[in-house]
Structure formats: structure tokens, C-alpha cells
């Protein structure tokens, strides 16, 4: 009963955090508000929530990683795959080695494997935390896609490196050759399990749906269970559950391209997953704030044991780690861009190559914000060693990771608007032409399908002319869509302006419709059931008009 009550209070804090953030007079990232609320809960409750690392890892990481893999734009992922891989794998290893030795040098009380584990867990970036800053400093789409792709892969590489470091301190030994073999088994096995589990489940689900029909609730529940099934199976076979969840999400995005799910199922599932993402990320940050008072006290004891009697050394450590992370990331991004330009020049590309500005490199470095994955990973450090003694400097490692999250969020909040303000960016491929051609192709396919269906339905019927008239009216709508496509830049700009005016007028009409329906039901002139149906239709139209 106590754990259920705590969970409800955590969810209530997540709800309040959204209200508070929107009510503040200045822009504050949502994770910082959630951390502050968690700290307030800790001060009132005066007893931190006891977290089981394995349970925490299982509950929070699989759905987050699965959803990242499911929703990441695949076009940007494959277009910038070289840059993303360099950041997601090379930068992680570079960070683990460089930062690990620095932490061990600064804090002798923290053994080198624990320092490597901390460096590994703070290396992954978090796109959710970065997106929280987009309203204050809009991030270029291509840069955002690179950061999302990096985050998707460096979650796995960073947490796998952490696993190696933890295994080294738990067993007291580390063999590079064994580590390489283990890494290949973890990586390839995890990826394969994620792909196979997703394809098998979606295949069975589609087979049953074709024979028995589709139930939206079951479809949504299956999508929620897939990441946990892939993760648990991979861990049971001693593979990477992290990579299994990621590859399951990517596979799910391709499995969905068949378009077999009903529209209502896709809409409801999107809403459920949006709620899951908001809740899980929010609870993680609230838990971080809730643990902060205890972590500060425990970390201060570790610092005193290391010979520094002033707890202010904790701030020094956090600042030094963040400075090192920013420096390592900046160096890697700068070197990576130089190598990319060098390879492009050697390849003999005819088009002129524009060198990214110093500000863009700095923005790419500063946008590497740490978030929920870092916190979820560091909280999974074991509580005890095999001999029963406490895991060395565990609380200090958690505190430092939390400090890195907070500092990176604040630094990006302040620094990104300055770096990106007025920055001239390389031109990105326009998607307007693709959208226009896609609309034309879809409309032409619809016209052909309507003609065929009209012919089949009206065959040998006395009222065939009704089918012809109705089909003509519907096809006129699609032909109008085809004819309305712009044929020049000026016409396109005019059409976009007309479209925006039409959107605003339609929204005004829809809102008036809904207000009138609510007035009628309050006056008991309509039934609740009928109003729910009509309001849902209006809501769907409004959602289509307000979706960017």
C-alpha cells in the first residue's frame, strides 16, 4: 500500500510540474521544475524512496528506448549516419576513457572502475531534455535529428560501457579480449533479439487480426509489452536488453509501414504512448529531486572521507565534470567535422563545401544535454559487492550524475539562445515539394479507387446514377486538391497564406460548434452520448488543423 501511495504522489507531482512550468513568468526546462518538486516532496516526507536498481532499470528504460527508436526520423538517421555513429560510439568511448581518469584523479576515494562507470553513464545525451529547450532556442531540424540519432545509439553504447565497468569492480578483473567478445555478443545478440521479437509478435498479431478482427485495446497493450518482452528475453540470454529495446523500436517503425492498423487504433495508441513518455520521464526527474537531500548528505560523507572536509568540494566536482564533458565533446565534434570535410575533399565532390561556423560547433556541443537515461542508468549501480560490503562511492556517483544533469540543462538554457540567435545555417533540403507531390499522388490513387468502387457497387443496380453522382462529388474534392498545388514560388507563398487564413477561420468555426454543443447538453436539449460523438468529430478536425 505504501509503494502504491508513493507512486500516486509521484504522478501527481508530474502533473503539477506541467502546470507550474506554464505558469512561471520565465522559461524554465520542465525537468528542472520536476526535480524541484521532488526535492520538496523529500523535505515533507523526510524519508527517501528505496529504489531497487534492477526493478528501476526494467520499469523505466525499455519503454523510453523503445519509443526513441520507434519515432526517430529514419531519413535523417540514414542521411547523417556517419556523423551520428562517430558521436554515438566514438565520442562515448573517448568520454569514458578521458573523463574516467579525470574523476579518479580528482576523487581518489572513487575506484577507477566506478569512475569509468560514472563517465559511461553521463556520456549519453537525452533528446527529451533538448526538446524542452526548443521553445526558448529553436534548434535547426538537421541538428536536432543528429542529436536524436546520437541519443538513440549512445544510450546503448554508454550503458553497455557502464555494464563492463560494473562487472570489473564486481569481479575484480577485466580482460580486453574478453570484453570485445562480450561486447559483440551483447550488441549483436541484443539487436537480433529485438528485431525477432518485434517481427514475431507483430506477425502473430496481424494473423489473428485478419481472422478475428481488430481490437484497439489489445493492439495498444501489445505495443506496450513488446519493449519489456524484448528486454527480458535479451537479459535472460545474457545479451543487451538496452539494444534489444532500441532495435525493437526501430523494427516497430518498419512493421507499422504495412498500414494494417485501423486509424482509431493508431490515434489512441499515439495518445497512450505520449502519456507514457511524459509520465516516465517526469517520474524519473521527480525521483531525482526526491533523492537529492539524501544524496547530498551521503556524498558529503564520501568527500570528507577523501580528506576534503568542506562539502563545497561537491560543487567543484560537478563543475569540473561538466567542463570536461563540454571540452571533450567540443574537441570530438570539431575533429569529426574536420575529418568529414577532409574525406569529402578527397572524394572529389564538385559542389563547394561550406565549413560550419565555430558557433554551430559550440551549439552542437552545448546541446548534448543529459537527462532521464543518465539518471536511470546511474540508479542501477549495485547496492552491494559480492562480499556483502557497500558498493564504493555509489551515492557520490549518483549525486555527481544528478549534478551533471542539472548543470547541463541550465547551461543549455542560457547558452543555446546566445549561440543560435541570428546564426546563418547551411541550407536544408526543402520538404514542401515532397509534401505537394505526395498529396497529388495520394489524391490520384484515391480517384482511381473511388472509380473502381463506384463501378463495383453500382453494377446491375437500378439506382446506379446515385453512385455516379456521389462518386463524382467526392472525386471533385480530390481533383480540387490536385489543381490547387502551386506552380511557382510566388504562388506557393500565396497559397500558404491563404491556407493559414483558412485554418484560422475553420478553427474559429469549430470552436463555436463545440461551445454550442456543450451549451445544448447543459440545457439538457441533447443526450450526453450524442454530444460525445459530435465533439469527438470536431476534436479530430481541430487536431488535424493544429498539428504542425
Protein backbone atom coordinates (compact mmCIF):
# COMPACT_ATOMS: atom_id res chain seq x y z
CA UNK A 1 0.00 0.00 0.00
CA UNK A 2 2.83 2.41 0.81
CA UNK A 3 4.53 1.90 -2.56
CA UNK A 4 1.22 2.50 -4.37
CA UNK A 5 0.69 5.72 -2.41
CA UNK A 6 4.22 6.91 -3.25
CA UNK A 7 3.66 6.15 -6.95
CA UNK A 8 0.45 8.17 -6.98
CA UNK A 9 2.18 11.13 -5.33
CA UNK A 10 4.98 10.95 -7.89
CA UNK A 11 2.46 11.03 -10.74
CA UNK A 12 0.65 13.94 -9.08
CA UNK A 13 3.99 15.80 -8.92
CA UNK A 14 4.45 15.20 -12.67
CA UNK A 15 1.03 16.73 -13.32
CA UNK A 16 1.78 19.74 -11.12
CA UNK A 17 5.15 20.25 -12.83
CA UNK A 18 3.44 20.87 -16.17
CA UNK A 19 1.14 23.48 -14.64
CA UNK A 20 3.96 25.18 -12.78
CA UNK A 21 6.19 25.38 -15.84
CA UNK A 22 3.46 27.02 -17.91
CA UNK A 23 2.64 29.40 -15.07
CA UNK A 24 6.17 30.66 -14.47
CA UNK A 25 6.92 34.14 -15.84
CA UNK A 26 10.24 32.95 -17.34
CA UNK A 27 11.27 29.94 -19.41
CA UNK A 28 12.43 27.01 -17.27
CA UNK A 29 13.01 23.49 -18.65
CA UNK A 30 10.39 21.05 -17.39
CA UNK A 31 12.97 18.60 -15.89
CA UNK A 32 14.27 21.33 -13.55
CA UNK A 33 10.72 22.03 -12.30
CA UNK A 34 10.19 18.31 -11.72
CA UNK A 35 13.46 17.99 -9.80
CA UNK A 36 12.46 20.92 -7.58
CA UNK A 37 9.09 19.31 -6.86
CA UNK A 38 10.81 16.05 -5.99
CA UNK A 39 13.09 17.86 -3.53
CA UNK A 40 10.01 19.46 -1.95
CA UNK A 41 8.43 16.02 -1.53
CA UNK A 42 11.61 14.79 0.17
CA UNK A 43 11.57 17.70 2.62
CA UNK A 44 7.95 16.95 3.54
CA UNK A 45 8.21 13.15 3.64
CA UNK A 46 11.68 13.12 5.30
CA UNK A 47 12.30 9.56 4.07
CA UNK A 48 13.70 8.81 0.59
CA UNK A 49 12.05 6.23 -1.64
CA UNK A 50 14.00 2.98 -1.58
CA UNK A 51 14.79 2.04 -5.16
CA UNK A 52 15.66 -1.45 -6.32
CA UNK A 53 18.17 -0.88 -9.19
CA UNK A 54 17.02 -3.88 -11.24
CA UNK A 55 13.34 -3.00 -10.92
CA UNK A 56 14.05 0.66 -11.70
CA UNK A 57 16.01 -0.31 -14.83
CA UNK A 58 13.27 -2.65 -16.05
CA UNK A 59 10.38 -0.24 -15.49
CA UNK A 60 11.88 2.94 -16.94
CA UNK A 61 14.48 2.20 -19.62
CA UNK A 62 12.75 -0.24 -22.05
CA UNK A 63 9.75 1.98 -22.88
CA UNK A 64 11.90 5.12 -23.22
CA UNK A 65 14.44 3.47 -25.53
CA UNK A 66 11.72 1.66 -27.49
CA UNK A 67 9.82 4.88 -28.14
CA UNK A 68 13.01 6.71 -29.17
CA UNK A 69 13.71 4.01 -31.75
CA UNK A 70 10.10 3.96 -32.93
CA UNK A 71 9.73 7.69 -33.51
CA UNK A 72 13.16 8.87 -34.61
CA UNK A 73 13.12 10.19 -38.22
CA UNK A 74 14.74 7.44 -40.28
CA UNK A 75 15.58 9.75 -43.19
CA UNK A 76 17.83 11.91 -41.01
CA UNK A 77 19.23 8.84 -39.26
CA UNK A 78 20.49 7.30 -42.50
CA UNK A 79 21.48 10.58 -44.15
CA UNK A 80 23.79 11.57 -41.30
CA UNK A 81 24.70 8.05 -40.22
CA UNK A 82 28.46 8.68 -40.30
CA UNK A 83 28.22 11.74 -38.06
CA UNK A 84 25.76 10.01 -35.73
CA UNK A 85 27.93 6.90 -35.37
CA UNK A 86 31.01 9.00 -34.69
CA UNK A 87 29.17 10.81 -31.90
CA UNK A 88 27.28 7.81 -30.54
CA UNK A 89 30.16 5.34 -30.38
CA UNK A 90 33.47 7.16 -30.80
CA UNK A 91 32.57 10.07 -28.54
CA UNK A 92 31.24 7.73 -25.84
CA UNK A 93 34.49 5.73 -25.70
CA UNK A 94 36.54 8.96 -25.84
CA UNK A 95 34.47 10.37 -22.95
CA UNK A 96 34.60 7.22 -20.83
CA UNK A 97 38.39 6.99 -21.02
CA UNK A 98 39.18 10.69 -20.64
CA UNK A 99 36.58 11.52 -18.01
CA UNK A 100 37.09 8.28 -16.11
CA UNK A 101 40.76 9.01 -15.43
CA UNK A 102 39.93 12.62 -14.55
CA UNK A 103 37.29 11.58 -11.98
CA UNK A 104 39.61 9.01 -10.41
CA UNK A 105 42.37 11.65 -10.19
CA UNK A 106 40.04 14.23 -8.61
CA UNK A 107 38.36 11.78 -6.21
CA UNK A 108 40.79 9.08 -5.07
CA UNK A 109 38.04 7.60 -2.88
CA UNK A 110 36.22 6.58 -6.06
CA UNK A 111 37.89 3.47 -7.58
CA UNK A 112 38.82 3.64 -11.26
CA UNK A 113 36.10 1.14 -12.40
CA UNK A 114 33.46 3.21 -10.56
CA UNK A 115 34.87 6.37 -12.18
CA UNK A 116 34.60 4.68 -15.58
CA UNK A 117 31.02 3.63 -14.76
CA UNK A 118 30.13 7.22 -13.86
CA UNK A 119 31.81 8.54 -17.01
CA UNK A 120 29.91 5.98 -19.09
CA UNK A 121 26.55 6.84 -17.58
CA UNK A 122 26.95 10.62 -18.09
CA UNK A 123 28.07 10.20 -21.71
CA UNK A 124 24.60 9.57 -23.24
CA UNK A 125 22.62 12.65 -24.25
CA UNK A 126 18.84 12.99 -23.94
CA UNK A 127 16.69 14.33 -26.81
CA UNK A 128 13.72 14.79 -24.49
CA UNK A 129 15.73 17.22 -22.37
CA UNK A 130 16.94 19.01 -25.51
CA UNK A 131 13.40 19.34 -26.88
CA UNK A 132 12.39 21.01 -23.62
CA UNK A 133 14.66 23.89 -24.67
CA UNK A 134 13.34 24.21 -28.24
CA UNK A 135 10.70 26.79 -27.36
CA UNK A 136 13.38 29.07 -25.92
CA UNK A 137 16.03 28.40 -28.58
CA UNK A 138 14.63 26.65 -31.68
CA UNK A 139 17.20 24.07 -32.75
CA UNK A 140 17.74 23.57 -36.52
CA UNK A 141 15.95 20.45 -37.72
CA UNK A 142 19.03 18.73 -39.09
CA UNK A 143 20.99 19.39 -35.91
CA UNK A 144 18.05 18.12 -33.86
CA UNK A 145 17.86 14.95 -35.96
CA UNK A 146 21.59 14.36 -35.46
CA UNK A 147 21.20 14.82 -31.70
CA UNK A 148 18.22 12.44 -31.65
CA UNK A 149 20.09 9.80 -33.63
CA UNK A 150 23.14 10.20 -31.42
CA UNK A 151 20.99 9.85 -28.31
CA UNK A 152 19.29 6.74 -29.64
CA UNK A 153 22.59 4.94 -30.13
CA UNK A 154 24.72 6.42 -27.36
CA UNK A 155 22.13 5.34 -24.79
CA UNK A 156 23.06 1.80 -25.70
CA UNK A 157 26.82 2.29 -26.06
CA UNK A 158 27.11 4.31 -22.84
CA UNK A 159 25.08 1.90 -20.75
CA UNK A 160 26.92 -1.11 -22.18
CA UNK A 161 30.23 0.54 -21.21
CA UNK A 162 28.80 1.10 -17.73
CA UNK A 163 27.93 -2.58 -17.55
CA UNK A 164 31.54 -3.51 -18.32
CA UNK A 165 32.82 -1.15 -15.63
CA UNK A 166 30.41 -2.54 -13.03
CA UNK A 167 31.34 -6.10 -13.96
CA UNK A 168 35.03 -5.23 -13.49
CA UNK A 169 34.50 -3.94 -9.94
CA UNK A 170 32.15 -6.80 -9.04
CA UNK A 171 34.57 -9.50 -10.25
CA UNK A 172 37.86 -7.68 -9.69
CA UNK A 173 39.16 -8.44 -13.19
CA UNK A 174 38.98 -7.03 -16.69
CA UNK A 175 40.25 -8.61 -19.91
CA UNK A 176 40.20 -6.51 -23.10
CA UNK A 177 39.87 -9.59 -25.32
CA UNK A 178 37.03 -10.96 -23.22
CA UNK A 179 35.42 -7.52 -23.19
CA UNK A 180 35.46 -7.33 -27.02
CA UNK A 181 33.89 -10.77 -27.33
CA UNK A 182 31.32 -9.96 -24.68
CA UNK A 183 30.53 -6.65 -26.36
CA UNK A 184 29.91 -8.36 -29.71
CA UNK A 185 27.64 -10.94 -28.06
CA UNK A 186 25.79 -8.25 -26.12
CA UNK A 187 25.40 -5.95 -29.12
CA UNK A 188 24.63 -8.41 -31.93
CA UNK A 189 22.52 -10.64 -29.71
CA UNK A 190 20.54 -7.73 -28.32
CA UNK A 191 19.87 -6.26 -31.75
CA UNK A 192 18.84 -9.63 -33.18
CA UNK A 193 16.50 -10.40 -30.28
CA UNK A 194 14.82 -7.01 -30.52
CA UNK A 195 14.22 -7.45 -34.26
CA UNK A 196 13.00 -11.05 -33.99
CA UNK A 197 10.70 -10.43 -31.02
CA UNK A 198 9.04 -7.45 -32.72
CA UNK A 199 8.60 -9.16 -36.10
CA UNK A 200 7.27 -12.34 -34.45
CA UNK A 201 4.77 -10.51 -32.24
CA UNK A 202 3.53 -8.18 -34.98
CA UNK A 203 3.27 -11.12 -37.41
CA UNK A 204 1.18 -13.17 -34.98
CA UNK A 205 -0.92 -10.12 -34.11
CA UNK A 206 -1.66 -9.39 -37.81
CA UNK A 207 -2.53 -13.05 -38.46
CA UNK A 208 -5.04 -13.08 -35.61
CA UNK A 209 -6.44 -9.68 -36.60
CA UNK A 210 -7.12 -10.81 -40.18
CA UNK A 211 -9.18 -13.73 -38.88
CA UNK A 212 -10.88 -12.35 -35.80
CA UNK A 213 -10.90 -8.60 -36.35
CA UNK A 214 -9.01 -5.80 -34.63
CA UNK A 215 -9.48 -4.67 -31.05
CA UNK A 216 -7.81 -1.31 -30.35
CA UNK A 217 -7.24 -2.00 -26.65
CA UNK A 218 -5.39 -5.25 -27.35
CA UNK A 219 -3.29 -3.65 -30.08
CA UNK A 220 -2.20 -0.85 -27.75
CA UNK A 221 -1.41 -3.25 -24.91
CA UNK A 222 0.72 -5.39 -27.25
CA UNK A 223 2.78 -2.32 -28.24
CA UNK A 224 3.34 -1.59 -24.54
CA UNK A 225 4.50 -5.14 -23.82
CA UNK A 226 6.93 -5.51 -26.76
CA UNK A 227 9.83 -3.48 -25.23
CA UNK A 228 9.59 -5.36 -21.93
CA UNK A 229 9.43 -8.73 -23.71
CA UNK A 230 12.48 -7.92 -25.86
CA UNK A 231 14.41 -6.58 -22.86
CA UNK A 232 13.65 -9.55 -20.58
CA UNK A 233 14.44 -12.16 -23.24
CA UNK A 234 17.74 -10.47 -24.09
CA UNK A 235 18.76 -10.23 -20.43
CA UNK A 236 17.79 -13.89 -19.91
CA UNK A 237 20.14 -14.87 -22.74
CA UNK A 238 22.88 -12.55 -21.32
CA UNK A 239 22.59 -10.11 -24.22
CA UNK A 240 22.00 -6.37 -24.09
CA UNK A 241 18.41 -5.64 -23.11
CA UNK A 242 19.14 -2.00 -23.88
CA UNK A 243 19.97 -2.68 -27.52
CA UNK A 244 17.07 -5.12 -27.71
CA UNK A 245 14.64 -2.35 -26.70
CA UNK A 246 16.21 0.10 -29.19
CA UNK A 247 16.16 -2.34 -32.11
CA UNK A 248 12.60 -3.39 -31.19
CA UNK A 249 11.52 0.25 -31.51
CA UNK A 250 13.23 0.70 -34.88
CA UNK A 251 11.73 -2.57 -36.12
CA UNK A 252 8.30 -1.48 -34.90
CA UNK A 253 8.51 1.64 -37.05
CA UNK A 254 9.11 -0.51 -40.14
CA UNK A 255 6.44 -3.05 -39.19
CA UNK A 256 3.95 -0.19 -38.98
CA UNK A 257 4.65 0.77 -42.61
CA UNK A 258 2.27 -2.01 -43.68
CA UNK A 259 -0.57 0.28 -42.51
CA UNK A 260 -2.71 -2.64 -41.31
CA UNK A 261 -3.76 -0.98 -38.04
CA UNK A 262 -7.01 0.96 -38.06
CA UNK A 263 -6.91 4.76 -37.88
CA UNK A 264 -8.62 4.77 -34.47
CA UNK A 265 -6.05 2.32 -33.15
CA UNK A 266 -3.14 4.47 -34.32
CA UNK A 267 -4.68 7.61 -32.82
CA UNK A 268 -5.41 6.04 -29.47
CA UNK A 269 -2.01 4.33 -29.35
CA UNK A 270 -0.25 7.63 -30.05
CA UNK A 271 -2.11 9.23 -27.16
CA UNK A 272 -1.24 6.36 -24.81
CA UNK A 273 2.46 6.44 -25.72
CA UNK A 274 2.60 10.22 -25.37
CA UNK A 275 1.22 9.81 -21.86
CA UNK A 276 3.70 7.03 -21.07
CA UNK A 277 6.62 9.14 -22.29
CA UNK A 278 5.53 12.20 -20.31
CA UNK A 279 4.85 10.15 -17.17
CA UNK A 280 8.02 8.04 -17.21
CA UNK A 281 10.34 10.96 -17.93
CA UNK A 282 8.57 13.06 -15.33
CA UNK A 283 8.69 10.39 -12.62
CA UNK A 284 12.41 9.86 -13.24
CA UNK A 285 13.18 13.55 -12.65
CA UNK A 286 10.83 13.78 -9.67
CA UNK A 287 12.62 10.77 -8.17
CA UNK A 288 15.93 12.52 -8.77
CA UNK A 289 14.76 15.54 -6.79
CA UNK A 290 13.28 13.30 -4.11
CA UNK A 291 16.62 11.56 -3.65
CA UNK A 292 18.70 14.77 -3.67
CA UNK A 293 18.75 15.60 0.09
CA UNK A 294 19.86 12.07 0.95
CA UNK A 295 22.37 12.03 -1.90
CA UNK A 296 23.91 15.35 -0.83
CA UNK A 297 24.32 14.09 2.72
CA UNK A 298 25.87 10.78 1.63
CA UNK A 299 28.10 12.44 -0.98
CA UNK A 300 29.36 14.91 1.64
CA UNK A 301 30.43 11.97 3.82
CA UNK A 302 32.37 10.44 0.93
CA UNK A 303 34.10 13.77 0.29
CA UNK A 304 35.06 14.04 3.96
CA UNK A 305 36.43 10.50 3.90
CA UNK A 306 38.55 11.53 0.89
CA UNK A 307 40.22 14.22 3.00
CA UNK A 308 38.21 17.26 1.88
CA UNK A 309 36.28 18.47 4.91
CA UNK A 310 34.37 21.18 3.05
CA UNK A 311 31.25 19.84 1.26
CA UNK A 312 31.66 22.68 -1.25
CA UNK A 313 34.08 20.33 -2.98
CA UNK A 314 30.94 18.62 -4.33
CA UNK A 315 30.20 21.75 -6.39
CA UNK A 316 33.81 21.79 -7.60
CA UNK A 317 33.49 18.18 -8.75
CA UNK A 318 30.22 18.81 -10.60
CA UNK A 319 31.60 21.91 -12.36
CA UNK A 320 34.84 20.13 -13.28
CA UNK A 321 32.98 17.10 -14.71
CA UNK A 322 30.69 19.33 -16.77
CA UNK A 323 33.62 21.37 -18.04
CA UNK A 324 35.43 18.18 -19.00
CA UNK A 325 32.33 16.80 -20.76
CA UNK A 326 31.88 20.03 -22.72
CA UNK A 327 35.57 20.17 -23.66
CA UNK A 328 35.73 16.52 -24.76
CA UNK A 329 32.53 16.91 -26.77
CA UNK A 330 33.72 20.12 -28.42
CA UNK A 331 37.06 18.56 -29.37
CA UNK A 332 35.39 15.46 -30.77
CA UNK A 333 32.82 17.44 -32.78
CA UNK A 334 35.49 19.75 -34.17
CA UNK A 335 37.79 16.87 -35.14
CA UNK A 336 34.86 14.88 -36.58
CA UNK A 337 33.81 17.80 -38.79
CA UNK A 338 37.39 18.29 -39.97
CA UNK A 339 37.66 14.61 -40.91
CA UNK A 340 34.31 14.76 -42.70
CA UNK A 341 35.44 17.77 -44.74
CA UNK A 342 38.76 16.06 -45.49
CA UNK A 343 37.03 12.90 -46.73
CA UNK A 344 34.66 14.99 -48.85
CA UNK A 345 37.58 16.83 -50.47
CA UNK A 346 39.41 13.56 -51.13
CA UNK A 347 36.26 12.11 -52.71
CA UNK A 348 36.34 14.93 -55.27
CA UNK A 349 32.86 16.32 -54.61
CA UNK A 350 32.25 19.07 -57.13
CA UNK A 351 29.93 21.21 -55.03
CA UNK A 352 31.59 23.77 -52.77
CA UNK A 353 31.94 22.58 -49.18
CA UNK A 354 30.86 25.07 -46.52
CA UNK A 355 32.74 24.96 -43.25
CA UNK A 356 30.44 25.04 -40.22
CA UNK A 357 30.98 28.09 -38.06
CA UNK A 358 32.54 28.00 -34.61
CA UNK A 359 29.17 28.92 -33.08
CA UNK A 360 27.46 25.93 -34.72
CA UNK A 361 30.13 23.57 -33.38
CA UNK A 362 29.77 25.12 -29.93
CA UNK A 363 25.96 24.80 -30.13
CA UNK A 364 26.26 21.14 -31.11
CA UNK A 365 28.49 20.60 -28.09
CA UNK A 366 26.29 22.52 -25.67
CA UNK A 367 23.10 20.83 -26.90
CA UNK A 368 24.35 17.49 -25.58
CA UNK A 369 22.07 17.69 -22.53
CA UNK A 370 21.91 14.79 -20.10
CA UNK A 371 18.56 13.56 -18.84
CA UNK A 372 16.44 10.60 -17.87
CA UNK A 373 18.68 7.89 -19.36
CA UNK A 374 21.68 9.14 -17.36
CA UNK A 375 19.68 9.14 -14.15
CA UNK A 376 18.04 5.78 -14.82
CA UNK A 377 21.43 4.26 -15.59
CA UNK A 378 23.29 5.57 -12.53
CA UNK A 379 20.49 4.49 -10.20
CA UNK A 380 21.06 0.90 -11.34
CA UNK A 381 24.53 0.75 -9.76
CA UNK A 382 24.52 -2.26 -7.37
CA UNK A 383 23.88 -1.60 -3.70
CA UNK A 384 26.43 -4.18 -2.50
CA UNK A 385 29.53 -6.01 -3.70
CA UNK A 386 29.57 -9.83 -3.84
CA UNK A 387 31.16 -9.98 -0.37
CA UNK A 388 28.26 -8.00 1.12
CA UNK A 389 30.13 -4.70 1.55
CA UNK A 390 28.54 -1.49 0.22
CA UNK A 391 29.26 -0.56 -3.39
CA UNK A 392 32.07 2.04 -3.19
CA UNK A 393 31.07 5.71 -3.64
CA UNK A 394 27.64 4.77 -5.03
CA UNK A 395 25.82 7.75 -3.50
CA UNK A 396 28.57 10.12 -4.63
CA UNK A 397 28.32 8.78 -8.19
CA UNK A 398 24.55 9.29 -8.20
CA UNK A 399 24.92 12.81 -6.83
CA UNK A 400 27.54 13.74 -9.43
CA UNK A 401 25.35 12.35 -12.24
CA UNK A 402 22.42 14.38 -10.93
CA UNK A 403 24.62 17.46 -10.79
CA UNK A 404 25.68 16.88 -14.39
CA UNK A 405 22.02 16.68 -15.47
CA UNK A 406 21.10 19.91 -13.69
CA UNK A 407 24.16 21.82 -14.84
CA UNK A 408 23.86 20.73 -18.48
CA UNK A 409 20.20 21.76 -18.53
CA UNK A 410 20.94 25.19 -17.07
CA UNK A 411 23.96 25.72 -19.34
CA UNK A 412 21.95 24.82 -22.45
CA UNK A 413 19.03 27.01 -21.34
CA UNK A 414 21.33 30.01 -21.05
CA UNK A 415 23.86 29.27 -23.79
CA UNK A 416 21.82 27.93 -26.74
CA UNK A 417 19.77 31.10 -27.33
CA UNK A 418 23.01 33.09 -27.42
CA UNK A 419 24.78 30.68 -29.79
CA UNK A 420 21.85 30.07 -32.15
CA UNK A 421 20.50 33.64 -32.23
CA UNK A 422 20.92 35.04 -35.74
CA UNK A 423 23.12 32.13 -36.80
CA UNK A 424 23.29 31.57 -40.56
CA UNK A 425 22.82 27.85 -41.10
CA UNK A 426 23.58 25.68 -44.14
CA UNK A 427 20.53 25.28 -46.32
CA UNK A 428 18.46 22.18 -45.60
CA UNK A 429 16.55 20.28 -48.28
CA UNK A 430 13.04 21.68 -48.55
CA UNK A 431 10.20 19.25 -47.88
CA UNK A 432 7.44 21.40 -49.41
CA UNK A 433 7.87 19.87 -52.87
CA UNK A 434 7.84 16.36 -51.43
CA UNK A 435 4.68 17.15 -49.48
CA UNK A 436 2.95 18.60 -52.55
CA UNK A 437 3.87 15.62 -54.75
CA UNK A 438 2.78 13.21 -52.02
CA UNK A 439 -0.62 14.91 -51.77
CA UNK A 440 -1.06 14.73 -55.54
CA UNK A 441 -0.08 11.05 -55.65
CA UNK A 442 -2.44 10.20 -52.78
CA UNK A 443 -5.30 12.13 -54.43
CA UNK A 444 -4.75 10.37 -57.77
CA UNK A 445 -4.78 6.98 -56.02
CA UNK A 446 -8.00 7.96 -54.23
CA UNK A 447 -9.69 8.93 -57.51
CA UNK A 448 -8.81 5.57 -59.09
CA UNK A 449 -10.05 3.68 -56.03
CA UNK A 450 -13.34 5.66 -55.97
CA UNK A 451 -13.94 5.00 -59.68
CA UNK A 452 -13.38 1.28 -59.20
CA UNK A 453 -15.52 1.08 -56.05
CA UNK A 454 -18.28 3.12 -57.72
CA UNK A 455 -18.31 0.75 -60.67
CA UNK A 456 -18.43 -2.37 -58.48
CA UNK A 457 -21.12 -1.04 -56.13
CA UNK A 458 -23.43 0.26 -58.89
CA UNK A 459 -23.20 -2.78 -61.15
CA UNK A 460 -26.67 -4.18 -62.06
CA UNK A 461 -28.45 -1.69 -59.80
CA UNK A 462 -31.43 0.43 -60.76
CA UNK A 463 -30.08 3.43 -58.81
CA UNK A 464 -26.64 3.37 -60.43
CA UNK A 465 -26.90 7.07 -61.22
CA UNK A 466 -26.85 7.86 -57.49
CA UNK A 467 -23.50 6.09 -57.18
CA UNK A 468 -22.17 8.01 -60.19
CA UNK A 469 -23.29 11.39 -58.81
CA UNK A 470 -21.93 10.69 -55.33
CA UNK A 471 -18.63 9.42 -56.70
CA UNK A 472 -18.29 12.50 -58.90
CA UNK A 473 -18.79 14.82 -55.90
CA UNK A 474 -16.09 13.02 -53.90
CA UNK A 475 -13.68 12.92 -56.84
CA UNK A 476 -14.19 16.66 -57.37
CA UNK A 477 -12.73 17.22 -53.90
CA UNK A 478 -9.60 15.26 -54.82
CA UNK A 479 -9.30 16.97 -58.22
CA UNK A 480 -9.52 20.34 -56.48
CA UNK A 481 -6.65 19.25 -54.22
CA UNK A 482 -4.56 18.34 -57.29
CA UNK A 483 -5.36 21.60 -59.11
CA UNK A 484 -4.61 23.70 -56.03
CA UNK A 485 -0.93 22.73 -55.94
CA UNK A 486 1.30 25.79 -56.53
CA UNK A 487 3.26 26.12 -59.77
CA UNK A 488 5.72 28.86 -58.72
CA UNK A 489 7.43 30.23 -55.62
CA UNK A 490 5.15 33.28 -55.53
CA UNK A 491 2.05 31.15 -55.95
CA UNK A 492 3.27 28.77 -53.24
CA UNK A 493 3.72 31.66 -50.81
CA UNK A 494 0.24 32.98 -51.64
CA UNK A 495 -1.27 29.50 -51.19
CA UNK A 496 0.41 29.14 -47.80
CA UNK A 497 -1.02 32.50 -46.71
CA UNK A 498 -4.50 31.52 -47.91
CA UNK A 499 -4.13 28.18 -46.14
CA UNK A 500 -3.22 29.90 -42.87
CA UNK A 501 -6.22 32.25 -43.14
CA UNK A 502 -8.50 29.31 -43.91
CA UNK A 503 -7.06 27.38 -40.95
CA UNK A 504 -7.75 30.21 -38.52
CA UNK A 505 -11.32 30.68 -39.82
CA UNK A 506 -12.02 26.94 -39.66
CA UNK A 507 -10.70 26.80 -36.08
CA UNK A 508 -12.98 29.67 -35.09
CA UNK A 509 -15.97 27.82 -36.59
CA UNK A 510 -15.10 24.50 -34.97
CA UNK A 511 -14.72 26.07 -31.54
CA UNK A 512 -18.06 27.81 -31.92
CA UNK A 513 -19.65 24.46 -32.90
CA UNK A 514 -18.24 22.77 -29.81
CA UNK A 515 -19.29 25.59 -27.48
CA UNK A 516 -22.85 25.40 -28.82
CA UNK A 517 -23.00 21.63 -28.33
CA UNK A 518 -21.83 21.98 -24.74
CA UNK A 519 -24.46 24.69 -24.19
CA UNK A 520 -27.17 22.41 -25.54
CA UNK A 521 -26.16 19.47 -23.35
CA UNK A 522 -26.02 21.70 -20.28
CA UNK A 523 -29.56 22.78 -21.11
CA UNK A 524 -30.48 19.06 -21.42
CA UNK A 525 -31.57 19.50 -25.02
CA UNK A 526 -29.12 16.81 -26.23
CA UNK A 527 -28.00 13.49 -24.76
CA UNK A 528 -24.50 13.03 -23.37
CA UNK A 529 -23.81 10.15 -25.77
CA UNK A 530 -24.72 12.18 -28.85
CA UNK A 531 -22.65 15.17 -27.71
CA UNK A 532 -19.59 12.97 -27.07
CA UNK A 533 -19.84 11.64 -30.62
CA UNK A 534 -20.21 15.08 -32.21
CA UNK A 535 -17.50 16.68 -30.05
CA UNK A 536 -15.09 13.87 -30.94
CA UNK A 537 -15.62 14.60 -34.65
CA UNK A 538 -14.90 18.29 -34.02
CA UNK A 539 -11.84 17.46 -31.91
CA UNK A 540 -10.40 15.30 -34.69
CA UNK A 541 -10.83 18.10 -37.22
CA UNK A 542 -9.28 20.62 -34.84
CA UNK A 543 -6.36 18.29 -34.09
CA UNK A 544 -5.69 17.99 -37.83
CA UNK A 545 -5.69 21.77 -38.22
CA UNK A 546 -3.48 22.45 -35.19
CA UNK A 547 -0.87 19.74 -35.85
CA UNK A 548 2.39 21.25 -37.10
